């Protein structure tokens, strides 16, 4: 039994040392400094958090959403016809041809 008692005592000492090292590590990691300016912060899901720019910084103007239309009365401008995006409607095939035959139907 002497051997088992020594092993148990050594295991308890090792566990105490591990606990002390863990508490020291946690104490060193706990005082976090605020993020540096320009650093990106993330939410709990790992998505970047949008931050408001500083009061002195001006945001760039948003890009135009539509292209300006040229004035047809202006000299040097030509009226350009825009092609229609619509395709002509498809007509059903006529006669005995089956556009989509049933692959499992016997001939």
PDB file of N, CA and C in Angstrom:
ATOM      1  N   UNK A   1       0.810  -1.190   0.000  1.00  0.00           N
ATOM      2  CA  UNK A   1       0.000   0.000   0.000  1.00  0.00           C
ATOM      3  C   UNK A   1       0.860   1.263   0.000  1.00  0.00           C
ATOM      4  N   UNK A   2       2.073   1.216   0.395  1.00  0.00           N
ATOM      5  CA  UNK A   2       2.934   2.387   0.449  1.00  0.00           C
ATOM      6  C   UNK A   2       3.147   2.991  -0.928  1.00  0.00           C
ATOM      7  N   UNK A   3       3.270   2.111  -1.925  1.00  0.00           N
ATOM      8  CA  UNK A   3       3.468   2.590  -3.291  1.00  0.00           C
ATOM      9  C   UNK A   3       2.240   3.349  -3.805  1.00  0.00           C
ATOM     10  N   UNK A   4       1.066   2.825  -3.532  1.00  0.00           N
ATOM     11  CA  UNK A   4      -0.177   3.469  -3.967  1.00  0.00           C
ATOM     12  C   UNK A   4      -0.374   4.815  -3.273  1.00  0.00           C
ATOM     13  N   UNK A   5      -0.014   4.897  -2.015  1.00  0.00           N
ATOM     14  CA  UNK A   5      -0.147   6.161  -1.287  1.00  0.00           C
ATOM     15  C   UNK A   5       0.770   7.225  -1.882  1.00  0.00           C
ATOM     16  N   UNK A   6       2.008   6.828  -2.235  1.00  0.00           N
ATOM     17  CA  UNK A   6       2.948   7.783  -2.828  1.00  0.00           C
ATOM     18  C   UNK A   6       2.433   8.249  -4.202  1.00  0.00           C
ATOM     19  N   UNK A   7       1.896   7.328  -4.990  1.00  0.00           N
ATOM     20  CA  UNK A   7       1.389   7.684  -6.318  1.00  0.00           C
ATOM     21  C   UNK A   7       0.200   8.637  -6.200  1.00  0.00           C
ATOM     22  N   UNK A   8      -0.647   8.362  -5.205  1.00  0.00           N
ATOM     23  CA  UNK A   8      -1.804   9.220  -5.006  1.00  0.00           C
ATOM     24  C   UNK A   8      -1.359  10.617  -4.578  1.00  0.00           C
ATOM     25  N   UNK A   9      -0.364  10.685  -3.706  1.00  0.00           N
ATOM     26  CA  UNK A   9       0.139  11.963  -3.222  1.00  0.00           C
ATOM     27  C   UNK A   9       0.771  12.754  -4.378  1.00  0.00           C
ATOM     28  N   UNK A  10       1.544  12.075  -5.229  1.00  0.00           N
ATOM     29  CA  UNK A  10       2.167  12.747  -6.372  1.00  0.00           C
ATOM     30  C   UNK A  10       1.102  13.241  -7.368  1.00  0.00           C
ATOM     31  N   UNK A  11       0.062  12.466  -7.573  1.00  0.00           N
ATOM     32  CA  UNK A  11      -1.005  12.877  -8.484  1.00  0.00           C
ATOM     33  C   UNK A  11      -1.715  14.116  -7.958  1.00  0.00           C
ATOM     34  N   UNK A  12      -1.946  14.175  -6.644  1.00  0.00           N
ATOM     35  CA  UNK A  12      -2.588  15.358  -6.063  1.00  0.00           C
ATOM     36  C   UNK A  12      -1.705  16.589  -6.202  1.00  0.00           C
ATOM     37  N   UNK A  13      -0.397  16.417  -6.002  1.00  0.00           N
ATOM     38  CA  UNK A  13       0.518  17.542  -6.152  1.00  0.00           C
ATOM     39  C   UNK A  13       0.547  18.035  -7.605  1.00  0.00           C
ATOM     40  N   UNK A  14       0.548  17.095  -8.540  1.00  0.00           N
ATOM     41  CA  UNK A  14       0.558  17.479  -9.949  1.00  0.00           C
ATOM     42  C   UNK A  14      -0.723  18.236 -10.311  1.00  0.00           C
ATOM     43  N   UNK A  15      -1.849  17.774  -9.758  1.00  0.00           N
ATOM     44  CA  UNK A  15      -3.120  18.446 -10.039  1.00  0.00           C
ATOM     45  C   UNK A  15      -3.121  19.862  -9.464  1.00  0.00           C
ATOM     46  N   UNK A  16      -2.553  20.039  -8.272  1.00  0.00           N
ATOM     47  CA  UNK A  16      -2.476  21.366  -7.679  1.00  0.00           C
ATOM     48  C   UNK A  16      -1.617  22.299  -8.536  1.00  0.00           C
ATOM     49  N   UNK A  17      -0.497  21.779  -9.041  1.00  0.00           N
ATOM     50  CA  UNK A  17       0.367  22.600  -9.893  1.00  0.00           C
ATOM     51  C   UNK A  17      -0.363  22.991 -11.185  1.00  0.00           C
ATOM     52  N   UNK A  18      -1.111  22.043 -11.736  1.00  0.00           N
ATOM     53  CA  UNK A  18      -1.878  22.352 -12.944  1.00  0.00           C
ATOM     54  C   UNK A  18      -2.932  23.425 -12.669  1.00  0.00           C
ATOM     55  N   UNK A  19      -3.604  23.309 -11.540  1.00  0.00           N
ATOM     56  CA  UNK A  19      -4.622  24.295 -11.185  1.00  0.00           C
ATOM     57  C   UNK A  19      -4.010  25.687 -11.013  1.00  0.00           C
ATOM     58  N   UNK A  20      -2.852  25.751 -10.361  1.00  0.00           N
ATOM     59  CA  UNK A  20      -2.173  27.034 -10.163  1.00  0.00           C
ATOM     60  C   UNK A  20      -1.751  27.640 -11.500  1.00  0.00           C
ATOM     61  N   UNK A  21      -1.209  26.800 -12.384  1.00  0.00           N
ATOM     62  CA  UNK A  21      -0.764  27.298 -13.689  1.00  0.00           C
ATOM     63  C   UNK A  21      -1.966  27.799 -14.493  1.00  0.00           C
ATOM     64  N   UNK A  22      -3.086  27.102 -14.392  1.00  0.00           N
ATOM     65  CA  UNK A  22      -4.278  27.526 -15.132  1.00  0.00           C
ATOM     66  C   UNK A  22      -4.812  28.850 -14.601  1.00  0.00           C
ATOM     67  N   UNK A  23      -4.848  29.033 -13.291  1.00  0.00           N
ATOM     68  CA  UNK A  23      -5.341  30.296 -12.740  1.00  0.00           C
ATOM     69  C   UNK A  23      -4.413  31.452 -13.114  1.00  0.00           C
ATOM     70  N   UNK A  24      -3.100  31.215 -13.122  1.00  0.00           N
ATOM     71  CA  UNK A  24      -2.167  32.262 -13.522  1.00  0.00           C
ATOM     72  C   UNK A  24      -2.370  32.636 -14.998  1.00  0.00           C
ATOM     73  N   UNK A  25      -2.586  31.616 -15.824  1.00  0.00           N
ATOM     74  CA  UNK A  25      -2.805  31.873 -17.242  1.00  0.00           C
ATOM     75  C   UNK A  25      -4.084  32.681 -17.441  1.00  0.00           C
ATOM     76  N   UNK A  26      -5.142  32.315 -16.737  1.00  0.00           N
ATOM     77  CA  UNK A  26      -6.407  33.028 -16.864  1.00  0.00           C
ATOM     78  C   UNK A  26      -6.302  34.464 -16.373  1.00  0.00           C
ATOM     79  N   UNK A  27      -5.506  34.697 -15.314  1.00  0.00           N
ATOM     80  CA  UNK A  27      -5.340  36.054 -14.803  1.00  0.00           C
ATOM     81  C   UNK A  27      -4.575  36.914 -15.804  1.00  0.00           C
ATOM     82  N   UNK A  28      -3.607  36.333 -16.481  1.00  0.00           N
ATOM     83  CA  UNK A  28      -2.836  37.095 -17.470  1.00  0.00           C
ATOM     84  C   UNK A  28      -3.680  37.396 -18.706  1.00  0.00           C
ATOM     85  N   UNK A  29      -4.566  36.509 -19.068  1.00  0.00           N
ATOM     86  CA  UNK A  29      -5.373  36.698 -20.266  1.00  0.00           C
ATOM     87  C   UNK A  29      -6.604  37.561 -19.998  1.00  0.00           C
ATOM     88  N   UNK A  30      -7.024  37.717 -18.762  1.00  0.00           N
ATOM     89  CA  UNK A  30      -8.262  38.420 -18.443  1.00  0.00           C
ATOM     90  C   UNK A  30      -8.225  39.910 -18.770  1.00  0.00           C
ATOM     91  N   UNK A  31      -7.203  40.678 -18.378  1.00  0.00           N
ATOM     92  CA  UNK A  31      -7.251  42.116 -18.664  1.00  0.00           C
ATOM     93  C   UNK A  31      -6.952  42.383 -20.138  1.00  0.00           C
ATOM     94  N   UNK A  32      -7.992  42.346 -20.957  1.00  0.00           N
ATOM     95  CA  UNK A  32      -7.810  42.599 -22.380  1.00  0.00           C
ATOM     96  C   UNK A  32      -7.924  44.094 -22.637  1.00  0.00           C
ATOM     97  N   UNK A  33      -7.052  44.556 -23.497  1.00  0.00           N
ATOM     98  CA  UNK A  33      -7.121  45.964 -23.862  1.00  0.00           C
ATOM     99  C   UNK A  33      -8.197  46.132 -24.923  1.00  0.00           C
ATOM    100  N   UNK A  34      -8.790  47.316 -25.010  1.00  0.00           N
ATOM    101  CA  UNK A  34      -9.797  47.535 -26.047  1.00  0.00           C
ATOM    102  C   UNK A  34      -9.141  47.377 -27.419  1.00  0.00           C
ATOM    103  N   UNK A  35      -9.896  47.005 -28.429  1.00  0.00           N
ATOM    104  CA  UNK A  35      -9.296  46.788 -29.746  1.00  0.00           C
ATOM    105  C   UNK A  35      -8.696  48.075 -30.283  1.00  0.00           C
ATOM    106  N   UNK A  36      -7.632  47.916 -31.019  1.00  0.00           N
ATOM    107  CA  UNK A  36      -6.957  49.073 -31.574  1.00  0.00           C
ATOM    108  C   UNK A  36      -7.825  49.714 -32.638  1.00  0.00           C
ATOM    109  N   UNK A  37      -7.544  50.978 -32.912  1.00  0.00           N
ATOM    110  CA  UNK A  37      -8.338  51.674 -33.916  1.00  0.00           C
ATOM    111  C   UNK A  37      -8.077  51.049 -35.270  1.00  0.00           C
ATOM    112  N   UNK A  38      -9.145  50.793 -35.990  1.00  0.00           N
ATOM    113  CA  UNK A  38      -9.022  50.174 -37.300  1.00  0.00           C
ATOM    114  C   UNK A  38      -9.108  48.661 -37.235  1.00  0.00           C
ATOM    115  N   UNK A  39      -9.104  48.093 -36.030  1.00  0.00           N
ATOM    116  CA  UNK A  39      -9.205  46.647 -35.905  1.00  0.00           C
ATOM    117  C   UNK A  39     -10.652  46.221 -36.096  1.00  0.00           C
ATOM    118  N   UNK A  40     -10.835  45.041 -36.636  1.00  0.00           N
ATOM    119  CA  UNK A  40     -12.177  44.531 -36.899  1.00  0.00           C
ATOM    120  C   UNK A  40     -12.656  43.738 -35.695  1.00  0.00           C
ATOM    121  N   UNK A  41     -13.900  43.995 -35.274  1.00  0.00           N
ATOM    122  CA  UNK A  41     -14.502  43.240 -34.184  1.00  0.00           C
ATOM    123  C   UNK A  41     -15.502  42.270 -34.772  1.00  0.00           C
ATOM    124  N   UNK A  42     -15.681  41.136 -34.112  1.00  0.00           N
ATOM    125  CA  UNK A  42     -16.577  40.096 -34.593  1.00  0.00           C
ATOM    126  C   UNK A  42     -17.625  39.783 -33.535  1.00  0.00           C
ATOM    127  N   UNK A  43     -18.826  39.387 -33.983  1.00  0.00           N
ATOM    128  CA  UNK A  43     -19.872  39.007 -33.044  1.00  0.00           C
ATOM    129  C   UNK A  43     -19.697  37.547 -32.652  1.00  0.00           C
ATOM    130  N   UNK A  44     -20.666  37.004 -31.913  1.00  0.00           N
ATOM    131  CA  UNK A  44     -20.552  35.645 -31.393  1.00  0.00           C
ATOM    132  C   UNK A  44     -20.525  34.606 -32.505  1.00  0.00           C
ATOM    133  N   UNK A  45     -21.027  34.967 -33.693  1.00  0.00           N
ATOM    134  CA  UNK A  45     -21.077  34.021 -34.808  1.00  0.00           C
ATOM    135  C   UNK A  45     -19.917  34.193 -35.774  1.00  0.00           C
ATOM    136  N   UNK A  46     -18.990  35.076 -35.469  1.00  0.00           N
ATOM    137  CA  UNK A  46     -17.820  35.268 -36.311  1.00  0.00           C
ATOM    138  C   UNK A  46     -18.029  36.245 -37.444  1.00  0.00           C
ATOM    139  N   UNK A  47     -19.138  36.969 -37.433  1.00  0.00           N
ATOM    140  CA  UNK A  47     -19.397  37.954 -38.473  1.00  0.00           C
ATOM    141  C   UNK A  47     -18.793  39.287 -38.046  1.00  0.00           C
ATOM    142  N   UNK A  48     -18.185  40.033 -38.988  1.00  0.00           N
ATOM    143  CA  UNK A  48     -17.620  41.333 -38.611  1.00  0.00           C
ATOM    144  C   UNK A  48     -18.716  42.308 -38.214  1.00  0.00           C
ATOM    145  N   UNK A  49     -18.427  43.094 -37.193  1.00  0.00           N
ATOM    146  CA  UNK A  49     -19.382  44.080 -36.685  1.00  0.00           C
ATOM    147  C   UNK A  49     -19.091  45.404 -37.375  1.00  0.00           C
ATOM    148  N   UNK A  50     -20.134  46.012 -37.953  1.00  0.00           N
ATOM    149  CA  UNK A  50     -19.976  47.304 -38.607  1.00  0.00           C
ATOM    150  C   UNK A  50     -19.886  48.383 -37.531  1.00  0.00           C
ATOM    151  N   UNK A  51     -18.867  49.188 -37.615  1.00  0.00           N
ATOM    152  CA  UNK A  51     -18.696  50.260 -36.648  1.00  0.00           C
ATOM    153  C   UNK A  51     -18.898  51.589 -37.347  1.00  0.00           C
ATOM    154  N   UNK A  52     -19.420  52.552 -36.601  1.00  0.00           N
ATOM    155  CA  UNK A  52     -19.612  53.880 -37.149  1.00  0.00           C
ATOM    156  C   UNK A  52     -18.247  54.540 -37.327  1.00  0.00           C
ATOM    157  N   UNK A  53     -18.030  55.279 -38.430  1.00  0.00           N
ATOM    158  CA  UNK A  53     -16.759  55.971 -38.600  1.00  0.00           C
ATOM    159  C   UNK A  53     -16.645  57.098 -37.589  1.00  0.00           C
ATOM    160  N   UNK A  54     -15.440  57.528 -37.268  1.00  0.00           N
ATOM    161  CA  UNK A  54     -15.271  58.651 -36.341  1.00  0.00           C
ATOM    162  C   UNK A  54     -15.996  59.888 -36.854  1.00  0.00           C
ATOM    163  N   UNK A  55     -16.345  60.795 -35.951  1.00  0.00           N
ATOM    164  CA  UNK A  55     -17.133  61.978 -36.295  1.00  0.00           C
ATOM    165  C   UNK A  55     -16.422  62.859 -37.314  1.00  0.00           C
ATOM    166  N   UNK A  56     -15.117  62.929 -37.285  1.00  0.00           N
ATOM    167  CA  UNK A  56     -14.363  63.792 -38.197  1.00  0.00           C
ATOM    168  C   UNK A  56     -14.199  63.192 -39.576  1.00  0.00           C
ATOM    169  N   UNK A  57     -14.386  61.895 -39.728  1.00  0.00           N
ATOM    170  CA  UNK A  57     -14.166  61.252 -41.023  1.00  0.00           C
ATOM    171  C   UNK A  57     -15.431  61.350 -41.869  1.00  0.00           C
ATOM    172  N   UNK A  58     -15.245  61.685 -43.112  1.00  0.00           N
ATOM    173  CA  UNK A  58     -16.385  61.785 -44.028  1.00  0.00           C
ATOM    174  C   UNK A  58     -16.453  60.504 -44.844  1.00  0.00           C
ATOM    175  N   UNK A  59     -17.657  60.009 -45.023  1.00  0.00           N
ATOM    176  CA  UNK A  59     -17.807  58.797 -45.816  1.00  0.00           C
ATOM    177  C   UNK A  59     -17.858  59.170 -47.290  1.00  0.00           C
ATOM    178  N   UNK A  60     -17.368  58.288 -48.176  1.00  0.00           N
ATOM    179  CA  UNK A  60     -17.413  58.609 -49.601  1.00  0.00           C
ATOM    180  C   UNK A  60     -18.852  58.588 -50.099  1.00  0.00           C
ATOM    181  N   UNK A  61     -19.140  59.358 -51.123  1.00  0.00           N
ATOM    182  CA  UNK A  61     -20.519  59.396 -51.620  1.00  0.00           C
ATOM    183  C   UNK A  61     -20.895  58.044 -52.223  1.00  0.00           C
ATOM    184  N   UNK A  62     -22.171  57.674 -52.133  1.00  0.00           N
ATOM    185  CA  UNK A  62     -22.584  56.388 -52.692  1.00  0.00           C
ATOM    186  C   UNK A  62     -22.519  56.423 -54.210  1.00  0.00           C
ATOM    187  N   UNK A  63     -22.244  55.279 -54.848  1.00  0.00           N
ATOM    188  CA  UNK A  63     -22.172  55.266 -56.307  1.00  0.00           C
ATOM    189  C   UNK A  63     -23.562  55.478 -56.897  1.00  0.00           C
ATOM    190  N   UNK A  64     -23.627  56.032 -58.102  1.00  0.00           N
ATOM    191  CA  UNK A  64     -24.942  56.263 -58.715  1.00  0.00           C
ATOM    192  C   UNK A  64     -25.619  54.922 -59.000  1.00  0.00           C
ATOM    193  N   UNK A  65     -26.932  54.883 -58.765  1.00  0.00           N
ATOM    194  CA  UNK A  65     -27.659  53.635 -58.963  1.00  0.00           C
ATOM    195  C   UNK A  65     -28.097  53.461 -60.407  1.00  0.00           C
ATOM    196  N   UNK A  66     -28.315  54.544 -61.143  1.00  0.00           N
ATOM    197  CA  UNK A  66     -28.713  54.444 -62.539  1.00  0.00           C
ATOM    198  C   UNK A  66     -27.782  55.302 -63.381  1.00  0.00           C
ATOM    199  N   UNK A  67     -27.605  54.895 -64.615  1.00  0.00           N
ATOM    200  CA  UNK A  67     -26.761  55.668 -65.526  1.00  0.00           C
ATOM    201  C   UNK A  67     -27.559  56.871 -66.005  1.00  0.00           C
ATOM    202  N   UNK A  68     -26.920  58.011 -66.151  1.00  0.00           N
ATOM    203  CA  UNK A  68     -27.647  59.194 -66.627  1.00  0.00           C
ATOM    204  C   UNK A  68     -28.101  58.970 -68.072  1.00  0.00           C
ATOM    205  N   UNK A  69     -29.309  59.394 -68.364  1.00  0.00           N
ATOM    206  CA  UNK A  69     -29.829  59.246 -69.720  1.00  0.00           C
ATOM    207  C   UNK A  69     -29.418  60.461 -70.537  1.00  0.00           C
ATOM    208  N   UNK A  70     -28.906  60.237 -71.754  1.00  0.00           N
ATOM    209  CA  UNK A  70     -28.488  61.390 -72.563  1.00  0.00           C
ATOM    210  C   UNK A  70     -29.706  62.153 -73.076  1.00  0.00           C
ATOM    211  N   UNK A  71     -29.530  63.422 -73.204  1.00  0.00           N
ATOM    212  CA  UNK A  71     -30.602  64.282 -73.700  1.00  0.00           C
ATOM    213  C   UNK A  71     -30.643  64.169 -75.220  1.00  0.00           C
ATOM    214  N   UNK A  72     -31.771  63.677 -75.804  1.00  0.00           N
ATOM    215  CA  UNK A  72     -31.803  63.510 -77.263  1.00  0.00           C
ATOM    216  C   UNK A  72     -31.770  64.848 -78.002  1.00  0.00           C
ATOM    217  N   UNK A  73     -32.119  65.937 -77.353  1.00  0.00           N
ATOM    218  CA  UNK A  73     -32.114  67.239 -78.017  1.00  0.00           C
ATOM    219  C   UNK A  73     -30.731  67.880 -77.990  1.00  0.00           C
ATOM    220  N   UNK A  74     -29.814  67.321 -77.212  1.00  0.00           N
ATOM    221  CA  UNK A  74     -28.486  67.911 -77.106  1.00  0.00           C
ATOM    222  C   UNK A  74     -27.720  67.670 -78.403  1.00  0.00           C
ATOM    223  N   UNK A  75     -26.916  68.661 -78.849  1.00  0.00           N
ATOM    224  CA  UNK A  75     -26.162  68.478 -80.098  1.00  0.00           C
ATOM    225  C   UNK A  75     -25.092  67.399 -79.928  1.00  0.00           C
ATOM    226  N   UNK A  76     -24.921  66.577 -80.947  1.00  0.00           N
ATOM    227  CA  UNK A  76     -23.900  65.526 -80.915  1.00  0.00           C
ATOM    228  C   UNK A  76     -24.362  64.253 -80.256  1.00  0.00           C
ATOM    229  N   UNK A  77     -25.556  64.218 -79.709  1.00  0.00           N
ATOM    230  CA  UNK A  77     -26.027  62.992 -79.076  1.00  0.00           C
ATOM    231  C   UNK A  77     -26.913  62.252 -80.049  1.00  0.00           C
ATOM    232  N   UNK A  78     -26.754  60.962 -80.079  1.00  0.00           N
ATOM    233  CA  UNK A  78     -27.559  60.144 -80.964  1.00  0.00           C
ATOM    234  C   UNK A  78     -28.492  59.291 -80.119  1.00  0.00           C
ATOM    235  N   UNK A  79     -29.687  59.137 -80.615  1.00  0.00           N
ATOM    236  CA  UNK A  79     -30.633  58.284 -79.902  1.00  0.00           C
ATOM    237  C   UNK A  79     -30.256  56.830 -80.172  1.00  0.00           C
ATOM    238  N   UNK A  80     -30.027  56.088 -79.115  1.00  0.00           N
ATOM    239  CA  UNK A  80     -29.644  54.686 -79.238  1.00  0.00           C
ATOM    240  C   UNK A  80     -30.800  53.856 -78.749  1.00  0.00           C
ATOM    241  N   UNK A  81     -31.245  52.943 -79.592  1.00  0.00           N
ATOM    242  CA  UNK A  81     -32.344  52.079 -79.184  1.00  0.00           C
ATOM    243  C   UNK A  81     -31.809  50.969 -78.295  1.00  0.00           C
ATOM    244  N   UNK A  82     -32.494  50.754 -77.200  1.00  0.00           N
ATOM    245  CA  UNK A  82     -32.125  49.682 -76.287  1.00  0.00           C
ATOM    246  C   UNK A  82     -32.812  48.403 -76.745  1.00  0.00           C
ATOM    247  N   UNK A  83     -32.064  47.301 -76.898  1.00  0.00           N
ATOM    248  CA  UNK A  83     -32.704  46.037 -77.297  1.00  0.00           C
ATOM    249  C   UNK A  83     -33.573  45.524 -76.162  1.00  0.00           C
ATOM    250  N   UNK A  84     -34.673  44.896 -76.536  1.00  0.00           N
ATOM    251  CA  UNK A  84     -35.566  44.353 -75.524  1.00  0.00           C
ATOM    252  C   UNK A  84     -34.968  43.081 -74.951  1.00  0.00           C
ATOM    253  N   UNK A  85     -35.148  42.883 -73.667  1.00  0.00           N
ATOM    254  CA  UNK A  85     -34.612  41.702 -73.006  1.00  0.00           C
ATOM    255  C   UNK A  85     -35.522  40.489 -73.166  1.00  0.00           C
ATOM    256  N   UNK A  86     -36.716  40.715 -73.702  1.00  0.00           N
ATOM    257  CA  UNK A  86     -37.657  39.618 -73.807  1.00  0.00           C
ATOM    258  C   UNK A  86     -37.398  38.807 -75.061  1.00  0.00           C
ATOM    259  N   UNK A  87     -37.462  37.498 -74.939  1.00  0.00           N
ATOM    260  CA  UNK A  87     -37.336  36.598 -76.080  1.00  0.00           C
ATOM    261  C   UNK A  87     -38.736  36.346 -76.629  1.00  0.00           C
ATOM    262  N   UNK A  88     -38.857  36.009 -77.909  1.00  0.00           N
ATOM    263  CA  UNK A  88     -40.187  35.726 -78.439  1.00  0.00           C
ATOM    264  C   UNK A  88     -40.773  34.499 -77.737  1.00  0.00           C
ATOM    265  N   UNK A  89     -42.087  34.454 -77.564  1.00  0.00           N
ATOM    266  CA  UNK A  89     -42.684  33.315 -76.861  1.00  0.00           C
ATOM    267  C   UNK A  89     -42.506  32.032 -77.664  1.00  0.00           C
ATOM    268  N   UNK A  90     -42.276  30.958 -76.960  1.00  0.00           N
ATOM    269  CA  UNK A  90     -42.093  29.656 -77.613  1.00  0.00           C
ATOM    270  C   UNK A  90     -43.455  29.081 -77.967  1.00  0.00           C
ATOM    271  N   UNK A  91     -43.501  28.470 -79.130  1.00  0.00           N
ATOM    272  CA  UNK A  91     -44.743  27.855 -79.562  1.00  0.00           C
ATOM    273  C   UNK A  91     -44.639  26.353 -79.366  1.00  0.00           C
ATOM    274  N   UNK A  92     -45.752  25.749 -79.026  1.00  0.00           N
ATOM    275  CA  UNK A  92     -45.774  24.305 -78.836  1.00  0.00           C
ATOM    276  C   UNK A  92     -45.562  23.625 -80.184  1.00  0.00           C
ATOM    277  N   UNK A  93     -44.826  22.506 -80.212  1.00  0.00           N
ATOM    278  CA  UNK A  93     -44.608  21.809 -81.477  1.00  0.00           C
ATOM    279  C   UNK A  93     -45.926  21.269 -82.015  1.00  0.00           C
ATOM    280  N   UNK A  94     -46.017  21.285 -83.306  1.00  0.00           N
ATOM    281  CA  UNK A  94     -47.249  20.807 -83.920  1.00  0.00           C
ATOM    282  C   UNK A  94     -47.057  19.395 -84.460  1.00  0.00           C
ATOM    283  N   UNK A  95     -48.144  18.702 -84.660  1.00  0.00           N
ATOM    284  CA  UNK A  95     -48.085  17.370 -85.254  1.00  0.00           C
ATOM    285  C   UNK A  95     -47.862  16.285 -84.226  1.00  0.00           C
ATOM    286  N   UNK A  96     -47.254  15.177 -84.681  1.00  0.00           N
ATOM    287  CA  UNK A  96     -47.058  14.002 -83.831  1.00  0.00           C
ATOM    288  C   UNK A  96     -45.803  14.081 -82.971  1.00  0.00           C
ATOM    289  N   UNK A  97     -44.952  15.048 -83.200  1.00  0.00           N
ATOM    290  CA  UNK A  97     -43.702  15.098 -82.436  1.00  0.00           C
ATOM    291  C   UNK A  97     -43.985  15.443 -80.990  1.00  0.00           C
ATOM    292  N   UNK A  98     -43.335  14.714 -80.129  1.00  0.00           N
ATOM    293  CA  UNK A  98     -43.476  14.932 -78.689  1.00  0.00           C
ATOM    294  C   UNK A  98     -42.195  15.591 -78.222  1.00  0.00           C
ATOM    295  N   UNK A  99     -42.282  16.811 -77.727  1.00  0.00           N
ATOM    296  CA  UNK A  99     -41.092  17.561 -77.336  1.00  0.00           C
ATOM    297  C   UNK A  99     -40.367  16.897 -76.172  1.00  0.00           C
ATOM    298  N   UNK A 100     -41.120  16.294 -75.265  1.00  0.00           N
ATOM    299  CA  UNK A 100     -40.479  15.621 -74.137  1.00  0.00           C
ATOM    300  C   UNK A 100     -41.112  14.237 -73.956  1.00  0.00           C
ATOM    301  N   UNK A 101     -40.598  13.247 -74.668  1.00  0.00           N
ATOM    302  CA  UNK A 101     -41.189  11.911 -74.572  1.00  0.00           C
ATOM    303  C   UNK A 101     -40.913  11.285 -73.217  1.00  0.00           C
ATOM    304  N   UNK A 102     -41.772  10.383 -72.810  1.00  0.00           N
ATOM    305  CA  UNK A 102     -41.607   9.663 -71.545  1.00  0.00           C
ATOM    306  C   UNK A 102     -40.576   8.566 -71.755  1.00  0.00           C
ATOM    307  N   UNK A 103     -39.430   8.626 -71.057  1.00  0.00           N
ATOM    308  CA  UNK A 103     -38.370   7.639 -71.296  1.00  0.00           C
ATOM    309  C   UNK A 103     -38.760   6.233 -70.817  1.00  0.00           C
ATOM    310  N   UNK A 104     -39.767   6.117 -69.964  1.00  0.00           N
ATOM    311  CA  UNK A 104     -40.136   4.811 -69.434  1.00  0.00           C
ATOM    312  C   UNK A 104     -41.309   4.176 -70.173  1.00  0.00           C
ATOM    313  N   UNK A 105     -41.879   4.907 -71.087  1.00  0.00           N
ATOM    314  CA  UNK A 105     -43.021   4.393 -71.844  1.00  0.00           C
ATOM    315  C   UNK A 105     -42.494   3.521 -72.991  1.00  0.00           C
ATOM    316  N   UNK A 106     -43.011   2.313 -73.119  1.00  0.00           N
ATOM    317  CA  UNK A 106     -42.513   1.457 -74.233  1.00  0.00           C
ATOM    318  C   UNK A 106     -42.959   2.028 -75.571  1.00  0.00           C
ATOM    319  N   UNK A 107     -42.139   1.764 -76.599  1.00  0.00           N
ATOM    320  CA  UNK A 107     -42.448   2.277 -77.934  1.00  0.00           C
ATOM    321  C   UNK A 107     -43.569   1.549 -78.600  1.00  0.00           C
TER     322      UNK A 107
END
